[in-house]
Amino acid sequence: MSDILIVDDERDIRELISDILQDEGYTTRLAGNSDDAMAAIAAEQPGLLVLDIWLKDSNMDGIDILKAVKRDYPEVPVVIISGHGNIEIAVAAIKQGAYDFIEKPFNIDQLMVVIRRGMETSRLRRENSTLKRRETTPADMLGDSAVFRALLGQLDKVTRSNGRVMLSGPAGAGKELAARYIHVNSGRSGAPFVTAPCASIEAERMEEVLFGRESEEKGIEPGLLEEANGGVIYFDEVADMPSGTQSKILRVLVDQQFLRVGGSDKVQVDLRVISSTSRDLEQEIAEGRFRRELYHRLNVVPIAVPSLEERRDDIPLLAEYFIEMLNKTQGLPLRKLGAEARAQLQTMSWPGNVRQLRNVVERVLILGDGAGEIEARELPGETDSAPSDGRVVLSGSLSTMPLREAREAFEREYLLTQINRYGGNISRTAEFVGMERSALHRKLKSLGVVTSSKAGARTG
């Protein structure tokens, strides 16, 4: 059980409260002035703070301490006590984030009700924070392709610094997973990872969501920046951030402080910023939708996250991972990938990238044929109307061509499919199709096929 810190300039009062609480099984610490109080909080965060609003011979009064605690230790409930209590002081304390207010001389039963509720709130806040931090642990970064290994090498380098990172790449490629990998393997791994989904927050609510707000009715409502203090704020699809908010975020990056909406006190934060975008930010800047100054602040370390089609060698490994994961989380069948299904997955088009692959695997497991191997015909684009006697059905265009043209068209399409399946790797393609590497090069040249180790192959 976390302890309770009692701060009061009257020794008799703080010792009386301590004796009462210890009789109820609580552990307490005592402080008689603001310096001792702040030192005690810094040494070990208490579960609850009982704070006198008037402190003689102190550098800070109770309201000042309350503000500092709510800024730096927002999970700690603060119960204010005062011998000069009135409605104005109560409103001021609650507005600054106090959990409750008790007037001296206090009733012991009333004190214990407030303390018990405050400690329960503290426990729930700690549990919620722990759960949030557990959520930052990502699934393993999976892959063995050269493109993936290059990405992982870049991510490993930036984990050793606090530099701002800009992750670019198509939707569904795994930019948030890369951001979480950076965080979990960094020195801030024990602190929060908070996502700001810029594309899904309404423009008129963006500043309230990011900066928080203050009001007499609800007191202090922390925003995402405050929740991320000490850890990482991840601006997902940062190009969707409204231009007005961009200016204020730029100022936060410079000063590491901001005002809540409706507030007058500056909130200081220590943040690492990771951003992502699937758009061309240079084009967004040229068209006046994104601030160049903010771009330069965020784009300290640019990292491109490859599309799934750039790392086709990883597709079977990822598919098998999703099969195991969906079996554990949803109880879907634990099936194996058949050889033809593996090949089919590697030759398919993946505009939705890794996210699309996961959805395809889930669909097959839900609609598939029991617990046997996953077959190619179960994948999207395959039909159940193909002949079962081994005959090949010609497309309309092939069936009307002379033999030589049809053969060339088939060879071109077949070799394009295999080269893309192996991510442009000519040696592996040659091995699969049963040709010498040099012979395959000659064949590709004669068919007008241009190859690239990154983009696969295309017709010239």
Protein backbone atom coordinates (compact mmCIF):
# COMPACT_ATOMS: atom_id res chain seq x y z
CA MET A 1 0.00 0.00 0.00
CA SER A 2 1.39 3.45 -0.89
CA ASP A 3 1.89 5.86 1.97
CA ILE A 4 0.16 9.14 2.81
CA LEU A 5 2.16 12.37 3.07
CA ILE A 6 0.77 14.86 5.61
CA VAL A 7 1.87 18.48 5.19
CA ASP A 8 0.90 20.96 7.93
CA ASP A 9 2.85 23.73 9.66
CA GLU A 10 1.27 22.82 13.03
CA ARG A 11 3.11 19.86 14.52
CA ASP A 12 0.21 18.80 16.75
CA ILE A 13 -2.18 18.68 13.79
CA ARG A 14 0.04 16.64 11.47
CA GLU A 15 0.94 14.19 14.25
CA LEU A 16 -2.73 13.84 15.22
CA ILE A 17 -3.73 13.04 11.63
CA SER A 18 -0.80 10.63 11.36
CA ASP A 19 -1.81 8.77 14.55
CA ILE A 20 -5.41 8.45 13.33
CA LEU A 21 -4.33 7.11 9.95
CA GLN A 22 -1.76 4.71 11.42
CA ASP A 23 -4.45 3.30 13.71
CA GLU A 24 -6.40 2.51 10.54
CA GLY A 25 -3.42 0.66 9.05
CA TYR A 26 -1.99 3.37 6.78
CA THR A 27 1.70 4.28 6.50
CA THR A 28 2.42 8.00 6.81
CA ARG A 29 5.18 10.56 6.32
CA LEU A 30 5.20 14.09 7.74
CA ALA A 31 6.39 17.51 6.50
CA GLY A 32 6.09 20.89 8.22
CA ASN A 33 6.94 23.24 5.33
CA SER A 34 6.93 23.43 1.54
CA ASP A 35 10.61 22.57 1.08
CA ASP A 36 10.32 19.38 3.14
CA ALA A 37 7.07 18.51 1.37
CA MET A 38 8.50 18.85 -2.15
CA ALA A 39 11.64 16.93 -1.15
CA ALA A 40 9.52 14.10 0.27
CA ILE A 41 7.39 13.92 -2.88
CA ALA A 42 10.46 13.90 -5.12
CA ALA A 43 12.09 11.14 -3.03
CA GLU A 44 9.03 8.86 -3.30
CA GLN A 45 5.67 9.60 -4.87
CA PRO A 46 2.99 9.21 -2.17
CA GLY A 47 -0.31 7.48 -2.68
CA LEU A 48 -2.18 10.48 -1.24
CA LEU A 49 -1.26 13.99 -0.13
CA VAL A 50 -3.03 15.66 2.84
CA LEU A 51 -2.10 19.33 2.48
CA ASP A 52 -2.69 22.37 4.68
CA ILE A 53 -3.55 25.38 2.55
CA TRP A 54 -1.73 27.86 4.83
CA LEU A 55 1.94 27.15 5.58
CA LYS A 56 3.83 29.62 7.77
CA ASP A 57 7.47 30.39 6.99
CA SER A 58 7.34 28.47 3.68
CA ASN A 59 8.35 29.43 0.16
CA MET A 60 5.11 27.97 -1.24
CA ASP A 61 1.58 27.89 0.12
CA GLY A 62 -0.79 24.93 -0.26
CA ILE A 63 -2.20 26.11 -3.62
CA ASP A 64 1.35 26.45 -5.03
CA ILE A 65 2.22 22.92 -3.90
CA LEU A 66 -1.08 21.63 -5.29
CA LYS A 67 -0.30 23.15 -8.71
CA ALA A 68 3.18 21.63 -8.73
CA VAL A 69 1.93 18.17 -7.71
CA LYS A 70 -0.86 18.16 -10.31
CA ARG A 71 1.67 19.20 -12.96
CA ASP A 72 4.40 16.69 -12.12
CA TYR A 73 2.47 13.88 -10.35
CA PRO A 74 -1.08 13.99 -11.75
CA GLU A 75 -1.91 10.51 -10.39
CA VAL A 76 -1.60 11.66 -6.73
CA PRO A 77 -4.94 12.76 -5.17
CA VAL A 78 -4.57 15.86 -2.98
CA VAL A 79 -6.88 16.50 0.00
CA ILE A 80 -6.76 20.14 1.14
CA ILE A 81 -7.28 21.03 4.83
CA SER A 82 -7.62 24.53 6.23
CA GLY A 83 -8.64 26.31 9.40
CA HIS A 84 -9.79 29.30 7.38
CA GLY A 85 -12.01 27.38 4.98
CA ASN A 86 -14.62 29.13 2.92
CA ILE A 87 -16.29 28.54 -0.40
CA GLU A 88 -13.76 30.65 -2.33
CA ILE A 89 -10.82 28.61 -1.06
CA ALA A 90 -12.66 25.35 -1.74
CA VAL A 91 -13.47 26.40 -5.31
CA ALA A 92 -9.88 27.55 -5.89
CA ALA A 93 -8.50 24.24 -4.60
CA ILE A 94 -10.92 22.08 -6.61
CA LYS A 95 -10.28 24.19 -9.72
CA GLN A 96 -6.55 23.51 -9.38
CA GLY A 97 -7.19 19.78 -9.21
CA ALA A 98 -7.67 18.99 -5.50
CA TYR A 99 -9.46 15.72 -4.85
CA ASP A 100 -11.44 17.06 -1.86
CA PHE A 101 -11.50 19.77 0.79
CA ILE A 102 -11.78 19.42 4.60
CA GLU A 103 -12.16 22.29 7.05
CA LYS A 104 -10.41 22.36 10.44
CA PRO A 105 -11.39 21.44 13.08
CA PHE A 106 -12.31 18.26 11.21
CA ASN A 107 -14.54 15.38 12.13
CA ILE A 108 -12.54 12.12 12.32
CA ASP A 109 -15.24 10.06 10.63
CA GLN A 110 -15.45 12.61 7.81
CA LEU A 111 -11.66 12.61 7.47
CA MET A 112 -11.55 8.82 7.17
CA VAL A 113 -14.29 8.73 4.54
CA VAL A 114 -12.33 11.20 2.39
CA ILE A 115 -9.01 9.37 2.98
CA ARG A 116 -10.47 5.97 2.05
CA ARG A 117 -12.05 7.34 -1.12
CA GLY A 118 -8.83 9.18 -1.98
CA MET A 119 -6.67 6.08 -1.54
CA GLU A 120 -9.06 4.01 -3.67
CA THR A 121 -8.85 6.68 -6.37
CA SER A 122 -5.05 6.57 -6.11
CA ARG A 123 -5.05 2.78 -6.50
CA LEU A 124 -7.30 2.93 -9.56
CA ARG A 125 -5.16 5.65 -11.17
CA ARG A 126 -1.99 3.60 -10.64
CA GLU A 127 -3.63 0.50 -12.10
CA ASN A 128 -4.88 2.46 -15.09
CA SER A 129 -1.42 3.90 -15.66
CA THR A 130 0.13 0.41 -15.44
CA LEU A 131 -2.35 -0.94 -17.97
CA LYS A 132 -1.63 1.94 -20.34
CA ARG A 133 2.07 1.22 -20.12
CA ARG A 134 1.54 -2.48 -20.75
CA GLU A 135 -0.35 -1.55 -23.89
CA THR A 136 2.79 0.10 -25.22
CA THR A 137 4.52 -3.29 -25.54
CA PRO A 138 4.13 -4.12 -29.21
CA ALA A 139 4.04 -7.41 -31.00
CA ASP A 140 7.54 -8.30 -32.12
CA MET A 141 8.80 -6.56 -35.22
CA LEU A 142 8.74 -9.54 -37.58
CA GLY A 143 10.62 -10.03 -40.81
CA ASP A 144 13.80 -11.36 -42.36
CA SER A 145 13.96 -9.56 -45.71
CA ALA A 146 16.85 -7.24 -46.48
CA VAL A 147 14.46 -4.27 -46.56
CA PHE A 148 13.07 -5.14 -43.13
CA ARG A 149 16.52 -5.66 -41.61
CA ALA A 150 17.56 -2.23 -42.90
CA LEU A 151 14.47 -0.69 -41.24
CA LEU A 152 15.19 -2.45 -37.95
CA GLY A 153 18.78 -1.19 -38.04
CA GLN A 154 17.55 2.39 -38.35
CA LEU A 155 15.03 1.97 -35.53
CA ASP A 156 17.67 0.48 -33.22
CA LYS A 157 19.90 3.52 -33.78
CA VAL A 158 17.24 6.04 -32.77
CA THR A 159 16.29 4.14 -29.60
CA ARG A 160 19.58 5.32 -28.11
CA SER A 161 18.65 9.01 -28.35
CA ASN A 162 15.79 11.38 -27.61
CA GLY A 163 15.80 12.77 -31.15
CA ARG A 164 12.49 13.47 -32.86
CA VAL A 165 11.59 10.89 -35.51
CA MET A 166 9.39 11.22 -38.59
CA LEU A 167 8.08 7.87 -39.87
CA SER A 168 6.81 7.94 -43.45
CA GLY A 169 5.15 5.20 -45.44
CA PRO A 170 1.81 4.01 -46.81
CA ALA A 171 -1.23 3.39 -44.62
CA GLY A 172 -1.14 0.01 -42.90
CA ALA A 173 2.62 -0.49 -43.30
CA GLY A 174 3.26 -0.53 -39.52
CA LYS A 175 4.36 3.02 -38.67
CA GLU A 176 2.79 2.95 -35.20
CA LEU A 177 4.37 -0.43 -34.48
CA ALA A 178 7.73 1.09 -35.43
CA ALA A 179 7.08 4.04 -33.10
CA ARG A 180 6.23 1.71 -30.22
CA TYR A 181 9.36 -0.34 -30.95
CA ILE A 182 11.46 2.82 -30.58
CA HIS A 183 9.77 3.66 -27.29
CA VAL A 184 9.89 0.20 -25.70
CA ASN A 185 13.61 -0.14 -26.47
CA SER A 186 14.52 3.38 -25.29
CA GLY A 187 15.40 4.87 -21.92
CA ARG A 188 11.79 6.09 -21.60
CA SER A 189 10.27 2.61 -21.83
CA GLY A 190 8.79 2.82 -18.33
CA ALA A 191 6.99 6.09 -19.11
CA PRO A 192 3.75 6.55 -21.09
CA PHE A 193 3.40 6.17 -24.86
CA VAL A 194 0.43 8.32 -25.86
CA THR A 195 -1.02 8.38 -29.37
CA ALA A 196 -2.58 11.54 -30.79
CA PRO A 197 -4.63 10.30 -33.79
CA CYS A 198 -4.63 13.56 -35.76
CA ALA A 199 -6.87 12.22 -38.54
CA SER A 200 -9.69 11.15 -36.21
CA ILE A 201 -9.85 14.14 -33.83
CA GLU A 202 -12.32 16.81 -34.87
CA ALA A 203 -10.48 20.02 -35.79
CA GLU A 204 -12.46 22.15 -33.33
CA ARG A 205 -11.56 19.76 -30.47
CA MET A 206 -7.89 19.23 -31.36
CA GLU A 207 -6.43 21.79 -28.94
CA GLU A 208 -8.65 20.70 -26.07
CA VAL A 209 -7.65 17.06 -26.63
CA LEU A 210 -3.92 17.85 -26.86
CA PHE A 211 -3.57 20.60 -24.25
CA GLY A 212 -6.40 19.78 -21.84
CA ARG A 213 -8.76 22.32 -20.36
CA GLU A 214 -9.65 24.10 -17.12
CA SER A 215 -13.13 25.12 -15.96
CA GLU A 216 -14.81 25.92 -12.65
CA GLU A 217 -17.32 23.14 -13.19
CA LYS A 218 -14.90 20.29 -13.94
CA GLY A 219 -11.58 21.64 -12.68
CA ILE A 220 -8.46 20.45 -14.53
CA GLU A 221 -8.83 17.94 -17.36
CA PRO A 222 -5.36 16.92 -18.59
CA GLY A 223 -4.76 16.58 -22.32
CA LEU A 224 -2.68 14.06 -24.21
CA LEU A 225 0.52 16.11 -23.91
CA GLU A 226 0.20 16.15 -20.13
CA GLU A 227 -0.56 12.41 -20.02
CA ALA A 228 2.60 11.75 -22.05
CA ASN A 229 4.86 13.76 -19.71
CA GLY A 230 8.16 11.94 -19.27
CA GLY A 231 7.44 9.61 -22.17
CA VAL A 232 6.46 9.79 -25.85
CA ILE A 233 3.74 11.68 -27.68
CA TYR A 234 3.07 10.03 -31.05
CA PHE A 235 1.43 12.27 -33.66
CA ASP A 236 -0.22 9.73 -35.94
CA GLU A 237 -0.85 11.18 -39.46
CA VAL A 238 0.51 14.56 -38.42
CA ALA A 239 -0.40 16.09 -41.81
CA ASP A 240 -4.03 16.11 -40.62
CA MET A 241 -3.26 18.46 -37.72
CA PRO A 242 -5.12 21.81 -38.17
CA SER A 243 -2.86 24.74 -39.12
CA GLY A 244 -3.75 26.70 -35.97
CA THR A 245 -2.77 23.79 -33.76
CA GLN A 246 0.46 23.34 -35.75
CA SER A 247 1.60 26.79 -34.61
CA LYS A 248 0.95 25.97 -30.96
CA ILE A 249 2.66 22.58 -31.18
CA LEU A 250 5.66 24.32 -32.71
CA ARG A 251 5.80 26.55 -29.62
CA VAL A 252 5.54 23.49 -27.33
CA LEU A 253 8.52 21.91 -29.08
CA VAL A 254 10.54 25.07 -28.50
CA ASP A 255 9.50 25.83 -24.89
CA GLN A 256 8.38 22.40 -23.58
CA GLN A 257 5.41 24.14 -21.95
CA PHE A 258 1.86 25.24 -22.82
CA LEU A 259 -1.43 26.55 -21.45
CA ARG A 260 -4.50 24.42 -21.05
CA VAL A 261 -7.62 25.66 -22.83
CA GLY A 262 -9.24 28.11 -20.41
CA GLY A 263 -6.20 28.05 -18.11
CA SER A 264 -3.68 30.69 -17.06
CA ASP A 265 -0.87 28.60 -15.55
CA LYS A 266 1.82 27.17 -17.80
CA VAL A 267 2.23 23.40 -17.80
CA GLN A 268 5.79 22.15 -18.24
CA VAL A 269 6.41 18.80 -19.94
CA ASP A 270 9.33 16.58 -20.85
CA LEU A 271 8.41 14.81 -24.08
CA ARG A 272 9.93 12.80 -26.86
CA VAL A 273 8.02 13.38 -30.10
CA ILE A 274 7.55 10.74 -32.80
CA SER A 275 5.38 11.56 -35.82
CA SER A 276 4.10 9.66 -38.83
CA THR A 277 2.63 10.49 -42.21
CA SER A 278 1.44 8.68 -45.30
CA ARG A 279 1.46 11.92 -47.29
CA ASP A 280 4.21 13.88 -49.02
CA LEU A 281 4.82 16.63 -46.45
CA GLU A 282 6.91 18.67 -48.88
CA GLN A 283 3.86 18.78 -51.16
CA GLU A 284 1.64 19.66 -48.20
CA ILE A 285 4.01 22.54 -47.39
CA ALA A 286 4.03 23.75 -51.01
CA GLU A 287 0.23 23.81 -51.00
CA GLY A 288 0.07 25.75 -47.71
CA ARG A 289 -1.40 22.99 -45.55
CA PHE A 290 1.62 22.29 -43.34
CA ARG A 291 4.05 24.65 -41.63
CA ARG A 292 7.61 24.32 -42.87
CA GLU A 293 9.01 25.30 -39.44
CA LEU A 294 7.09 22.48 -37.77
CA TYR A 295 8.22 20.03 -40.45
CA HIS A 296 11.88 20.84 -39.75
CA ARG A 297 11.32 20.46 -35.99
CA LEU A 298 9.65 17.06 -36.37
CA ASN A 299 11.76 15.67 -39.20
CA VAL A 300 15.06 15.44 -37.29
CA VAL A 301 15.46 11.73 -38.08
CA PRO A 302 13.38 10.65 -41.10
CA ILE A 303 12.72 6.91 -41.42
CA ALA A 304 10.79 5.34 -44.30
CA VAL A 305 8.67 2.32 -43.35
CA PRO A 306 8.47 0.04 -46.41
CA SER A 307 5.24 -1.20 -47.94
CA LEU A 308 4.41 -4.90 -47.73
CA GLU A 309 5.07 -5.28 -51.46
CA GLU A 310 8.66 -4.10 -50.86
CA ARG A 311 9.17 -6.97 -48.40
CA ARG A 312 7.30 -9.87 -49.99
CA ASP A 313 9.74 -12.38 -48.50
CA ASP A 314 8.23 -11.55 -45.09
CA ILE A 315 4.61 -12.26 -46.05
CA PRO A 316 4.50 -15.98 -45.06
CA LEU A 317 6.17 -15.23 -41.71
CA LEU A 318 3.70 -12.42 -40.98
CA ALA A 319 0.72 -14.54 -42.06
CA GLU A 320 1.79 -17.36 -39.74
CA TYR A 321 2.18 -14.88 -36.89
CA PHE A 322 -1.36 -13.56 -37.45
CA ILE A 323 -2.72 -17.12 -37.51
CA GLU A 324 -1.15 -17.83 -34.09
CA MET A 325 -2.21 -14.45 -32.69
CA LEU A 326 -5.85 -14.82 -33.83
CA ASN A 327 -5.93 -18.33 -32.39
CA LYS A 328 -4.82 -17.03 -28.98
CA THR A 329 -6.95 -13.87 -28.91
CA GLN A 330 -10.11 -14.97 -30.74
CA GLY A 331 -10.01 -18.76 -30.64
CA LEU A 332 -9.88 -19.04 -34.44
CA PRO A 333 -8.50 -22.31 -35.93
CA LEU A 334 -4.75 -22.82 -35.71
CA ARG A 335 -4.09 -23.74 -39.34
CA LYS A 336 -0.97 -24.16 -41.45
CA LEU A 337 -0.29 -22.33 -44.70
CA GLY A 338 -0.19 -24.65 -47.69
CA ALA A 339 2.65 -24.20 -50.19
CA GLU A 340 0.33 -22.86 -52.89
CA ALA A 341 -1.30 -20.46 -50.44
CA ARG A 342 2.13 -19.15 -49.40
CA ALA A 343 3.04 -18.55 -53.04
CA GLN A 344 -0.33 -16.94 -53.73
CA LEU A 345 0.03 -14.52 -50.79
CA GLN A 346 3.44 -13.45 -52.08
CA THR A 347 2.08 -12.65 -55.54
CA MET A 348 -1.06 -10.76 -54.47
CA SER A 349 -1.41 -6.99 -54.54
CA TRP A 350 -1.33 -5.42 -51.05
CA PRO A 351 -2.51 -1.77 -51.20
CA GLY A 352 -3.53 -2.02 -47.53
CA ASN A 353 -0.14 -3.47 -46.54
CA VAL A 354 0.33 -5.40 -43.28
CA ARG A 355 -3.09 -4.34 -42.01
CA GLN A 356 -4.71 -5.82 -45.12
CA LEU A 357 -2.73 -9.06 -44.71
CA ARG A 358 -4.03 -9.43 -41.16
CA ASN A 359 -7.60 -8.88 -42.35
CA VAL A 360 -7.19 -11.47 -45.13
CA VAL A 361 -5.85 -14.05 -42.67
CA GLU A 362 -8.70 -13.37 -40.24
CA ARG A 363 -11.28 -13.70 -43.04
CA VAL A 364 -9.83 -17.04 -44.17
CA LEU A 365 -9.81 -18.43 -40.62
CA ILE A 366 -13.43 -17.37 -40.07
CA LEU A 367 -14.80 -18.59 -43.41
CA GLY A 368 -12.32 -21.38 -44.16
CA ASP A 369 -12.69 -25.12 -44.49
CA GLY A 370 -12.00 -26.46 -41.02
CA ALA A 371 -8.59 -27.11 -39.53
CA GLY A 372 -6.62 -28.38 -42.54
CA GLU A 373 -3.97 -26.49 -44.46
CA ILE A 374 -5.01 -23.15 -45.91
CA GLU A 375 -5.30 -23.58 -49.67
CA ALA A 376 -4.81 -20.99 -52.39
CA ARG A 377 -8.48 -21.20 -53.46
CA GLU A 378 -9.52 -19.83 -50.04
CA LEU A 379 -7.68 -16.56 -50.63
CA PRO A 380 -9.31 -13.47 -52.17
CA GLY A 381 -9.29 -13.55 -55.98
CA GLU A 382 -9.49 -17.34 -56.12
CA THR A 383 -12.76 -18.97 -57.21
CA ASP A 384 -14.30 -22.37 -56.68
CA SER A 385 -15.28 -22.63 -60.36
CA ALA A 386 -11.83 -23.60 -61.69
CA PRO A 387 -11.66 -27.05 -63.29
CA SER A 388 -10.56 -29.79 -60.90
CA ASP A 389 -9.05 -32.01 -63.62
CA GLY A 390 -5.83 -30.02 -64.06
CA ARG A 391 -6.93 -28.22 -67.22
CA VAL A 392 -5.84 -24.58 -67.69
CA VAL A 393 -8.55 -22.06 -68.54
CA LEU A 394 -7.29 -19.46 -71.03
CA SER A 395 -8.28 -15.81 -70.63
CA GLY A 396 -10.18 -14.23 -73.48
CA SER A 397 -7.14 -12.32 -74.73
CA LEU A 398 -4.79 -15.32 -74.72
CA SER A 399 -7.27 -17.53 -76.52
CA THR A 400 -7.39 -15.17 -79.50
CA MET A 401 -3.60 -14.77 -79.91
CA PRO A 402 -1.29 -16.72 -82.20
CA LEU A 403 0.77 -19.29 -80.29
CA ARG A 404 4.00 -17.27 -80.30
CA GLU A 405 2.36 -14.09 -78.95
CA ALA A 406 0.36 -16.04 -76.38
CA ARG A 407 3.49 -17.82 -75.17
CA GLU A 408 5.37 -14.52 -74.82
CA ALA A 409 2.44 -12.91 -72.97
CA PHE A 410 2.21 -15.88 -70.61
CA GLU A 411 5.96 -15.97 -69.98
CA ARG A 412 6.03 -12.24 -69.30
CA GLU A 413 3.16 -12.40 -66.80
CA TYR A 414 4.49 -15.57 -65.18
CA LEU A 415 8.01 -14.18 -64.71
CA LEU A 416 6.70 -10.81 -63.48
CA THR A 417 4.65 -12.67 -60.87
CA GLN A 418 7.58 -14.78 -59.67
CA ILE A 419 10.05 -11.87 -59.57
CA ASN A 420 7.60 -9.79 -57.52
CA ARG A 421 7.00 -12.80 -55.29
CA TYR A 422 10.73 -12.84 -54.43
CA GLY A 423 11.02 -9.06 -54.09
CA GLY A 424 13.11 -8.61 -57.24
CA ASN A 425 15.69 -11.24 -56.24
CA ILE A 426 16.77 -12.72 -59.61
CA SER A 427 18.81 -15.56 -58.10
CA ARG A 428 15.89 -16.90 -56.05
CA THR A 429 13.51 -16.46 -58.97
CA ALA A 430 15.85 -18.35 -61.29
CA GLU A 431 16.15 -21.19 -58.77
CA PHE A 432 12.35 -21.46 -58.44
CA VAL A 433 11.56 -21.38 -62.18
CA GLY A 434 14.42 -23.80 -62.99
CA MET A 435 16.61 -21.53 -65.12
CA GLU A 436 20.21 -20.39 -64.95
CA ARG A 437 20.52 -16.83 -63.69
CA SER A 438 22.14 -15.63 -66.92
CA ALA A 439 19.45 -17.35 -69.02
CA LEU A 440 16.72 -15.70 -66.95
CA HIS A 441 18.33 -12.29 -67.50
CA ARG A 442 18.34 -12.89 -71.27
CA LYS A 443 14.73 -14.05 -71.22
CA LEU A 444 13.62 -10.99 -69.22
CA LYS A 445 15.44 -8.67 -71.60
CA SER A 446 13.82 -10.29 -74.64
CA LEU A 447 10.37 -9.93 -73.03
CA GLY A 448 10.95 -6.27 -72.12
CA VAL A 449 10.82 -6.86 -68.33
CA VAL A 450 12.74 -4.32 -66.18
CA THR A 451 13.75 -5.49 -62.70
CA SER A 452 14.52 -3.62 -59.47
CA SER A 453 15.58 -5.13 -56.16
CA LYS A 454 13.25 -2.73 -54.34
CA ALA A 455 10.23 -2.42 -56.59
CA GLY A 456 10.23 -5.90 -58.10
CA ALA A 457 9.61 -6.01 -61.82
CA ARG A 458 7.58 -4.21 -64.47
CA THR A 459 7.28 -4.26 -68.24
CA GLY A 460 9.62 -1.88 -70.02
